[in-house]
């Protein structure tokens, strides 16, 4: 990955790379950089979601509600 600057923000997405060079012209905004040697993942980005969107399950603990 070549970039001029990397901005980290909450829920900015996960970006997979094997190397970072600060020689490019792009500004990239991500939540997390993951270094990998898996060729299929390099250069891909996965969006992140807040856990607020997941419906919580009710768990009964020793008969209490």
C-alpha atoms as a PDB file:
ATOM      1  CA  UNK A   1       0.000   0.000   0.000  1.00  0.00           C
ATOM      2  CA  UNK A   2       1.291   3.454  -0.878  1.00  0.00           C
ATOM      3  CA  UNK A   3      -0.188   6.457   0.874  1.00  0.00           C
ATOM      4  CA  UNK A   4       0.746   9.951   1.921  1.00  0.00           C
ATOM      5  CA  UNK A   5      -1.163   9.748   5.202  1.00  0.00           C
ATOM      6  CA  UNK A   6      -3.240   7.178   7.110  1.00  0.00           C
ATOM      7  CA  UNK A   7      -6.097   8.448   9.298  1.00  0.00           C
ATOM      8  CA  UNK A   8      -7.455   6.076  11.947  1.00  0.00           C
ATOM      9  CA  UNK A   9     -11.115   6.455  12.942  1.00  0.00           C
ATOM     10  CA  UNK A  10     -13.550   4.320  14.890  1.00  0.00           C
ATOM     11  CA  UNK A  11     -15.444   1.984  12.520  1.00  0.00           C
ATOM     12  CA  UNK A  12     -13.268   3.112   9.606  1.00  0.00           C
ATOM     13  CA  UNK A  13     -12.921  -0.419   8.258  1.00  0.00           C
ATOM     14  CA  UNK A  14     -10.231  -3.083   8.333  1.00  0.00           C
ATOM     15  CA  UNK A  15      -7.619  -2.838   5.569  1.00  0.00           C
ATOM     16  CA  UNK A  16      -5.369  -5.821   4.789  1.00  0.00           C
ATOM     17  CA  UNK A  17      -1.866  -5.153   3.492  1.00  0.00           C
ATOM     18  CA  UNK A  18       1.610  -6.621   3.515  1.00  0.00           C
ATOM     19  CA  UNK A  19       3.593  -3.371   3.405  1.00  0.00           C
ATOM     20  CA  UNK A  20       3.062   0.378   3.903  1.00  0.00           C
ATOM     21  CA  UNK A  21       5.043   2.970   1.978  1.00  0.00           C
ATOM     22  CA  UNK A  22       4.490   6.679   2.565  1.00  0.00           C
ATOM     23  CA  UNK A  23       5.418   7.643  -0.987  1.00  0.00           C
ATOM     24  CA  UNK A  24       1.945   7.916  -2.555  1.00  0.00           C
ATOM     25  CA  UNK A  25      -0.490  10.798  -2.922  1.00  0.00           C
ATOM     26  CA  UNK A  26      -3.584   9.252  -1.295  1.00  0.00           C
ATOM     27  CA  UNK A  27      -4.982   9.833   2.175  1.00  0.00           C
ATOM     28  CA  UNK A  28      -6.490   6.631   3.538  1.00  0.00           C
ATOM     29  CA  UNK A  29      -9.010   6.443   6.392  1.00  0.00           C
ATOM     30  CA  UNK A  30      -9.221   3.115   8.219  1.00  0.00           C
ATOM     31  CA  UNK A  31     -10.100   1.768  11.637  1.00  0.00           C
ATOM     32  CA  UNK A  32      -7.372  -0.858  11.666  1.00  0.00           C
ATOM     33  CA  UNK A  33      -4.478  -2.055   9.515  1.00  0.00           C
ATOM     34  CA  UNK A  34      -3.883  -5.803   9.452  1.00  0.00           C
ATOM     35  CA  UNK A  35      -0.599  -7.078   8.056  1.00  0.00           C
ATOM     36  CA  UNK A  36      -0.901 -10.413   6.249  1.00  0.00           C
ATOM     37  CA  UNK A  37       0.949 -12.524   3.716  1.00  0.00           C
ATOM     38  CA  UNK A  38      -2.272 -14.008   2.278  1.00  0.00           C
ATOM     39  CA  UNK A  39      -2.328 -12.843  -1.358  1.00  0.00           C
ATOM     40  CA  UNK A  40      -6.136 -13.095  -1.522  1.00  0.00           C
ATOM     41  CA  UNK A  41      -6.550 -10.557   1.324  1.00  0.00           C
ATOM     42  CA  UNK A  42      -3.892  -7.979   0.401  1.00  0.00           C
ATOM     43  CA  UNK A  43      -5.527  -4.754  -0.759  1.00  0.00           C
ATOM     44  CA  UNK A  44      -9.021  -5.641   0.491  1.00  0.00           C
ATOM     45  CA  UNK A  45     -11.100  -3.653   2.943  1.00  0.00           C
ATOM     46  CA  UNK A  46     -13.883  -4.870   5.238  1.00  0.00           C
ATOM     47  CA  UNK A  47     -16.365  -2.382   6.692  1.00  0.00           C
ATOM     48  CA  UNK A  48     -16.997  -2.453  10.436  1.00  0.00           C
ATOM     49  CA  UNK A  49     -20.366  -2.130  12.176  1.00  0.00           C
ATOM     50  CA  UNK A  50     -21.272  -0.936  15.625  1.00  0.00           C
ATOM     51  CA  UNK A  51     -22.488  -3.599  18.048  1.00  0.00           C
ATOM     52  CA  UNK A  52     -25.598  -1.455  18.627  1.00  0.00           C
ATOM     53  CA  UNK A  53     -27.105  -3.034  15.511  1.00  0.00           C
ATOM     54  CA  UNK A  54     -26.980  -6.559  16.966  1.00  0.00           C
ATOM     55  CA  UNK A  55     -30.076  -7.651  18.905  1.00  0.00           C
ATOM     56  CA  UNK A  56     -29.027  -8.881  22.366  1.00  0.00           C
ATOM     57  CA  UNK A  57     -30.249 -12.273  23.570  1.00  0.00           C
ATOM     58  CA  UNK A  58     -31.727 -12.696  27.037  1.00  0.00           C
ATOM     59  CA  UNK A  59     -29.651 -15.133  29.086  1.00  0.00           C
ATOM     60  CA  UNK A  60     -31.210 -16.705  32.164  1.00  0.00           C
ATOM     61  CA  UNK A  61     -28.688 -17.197  34.964  1.00  0.00           C
ATOM     62  CA  UNK A  62     -29.713 -19.702  37.680  1.00  0.00           C
ATOM     63  CA  UNK A  63     -33.423 -19.050  37.274  1.00  0.00           C
ATOM     64  CA  UNK A  64     -33.171 -15.247  37.464  1.00  0.00           C
ATOM     65  CA  UNK A  65     -34.706 -13.138  34.704  1.00  0.00           C
END
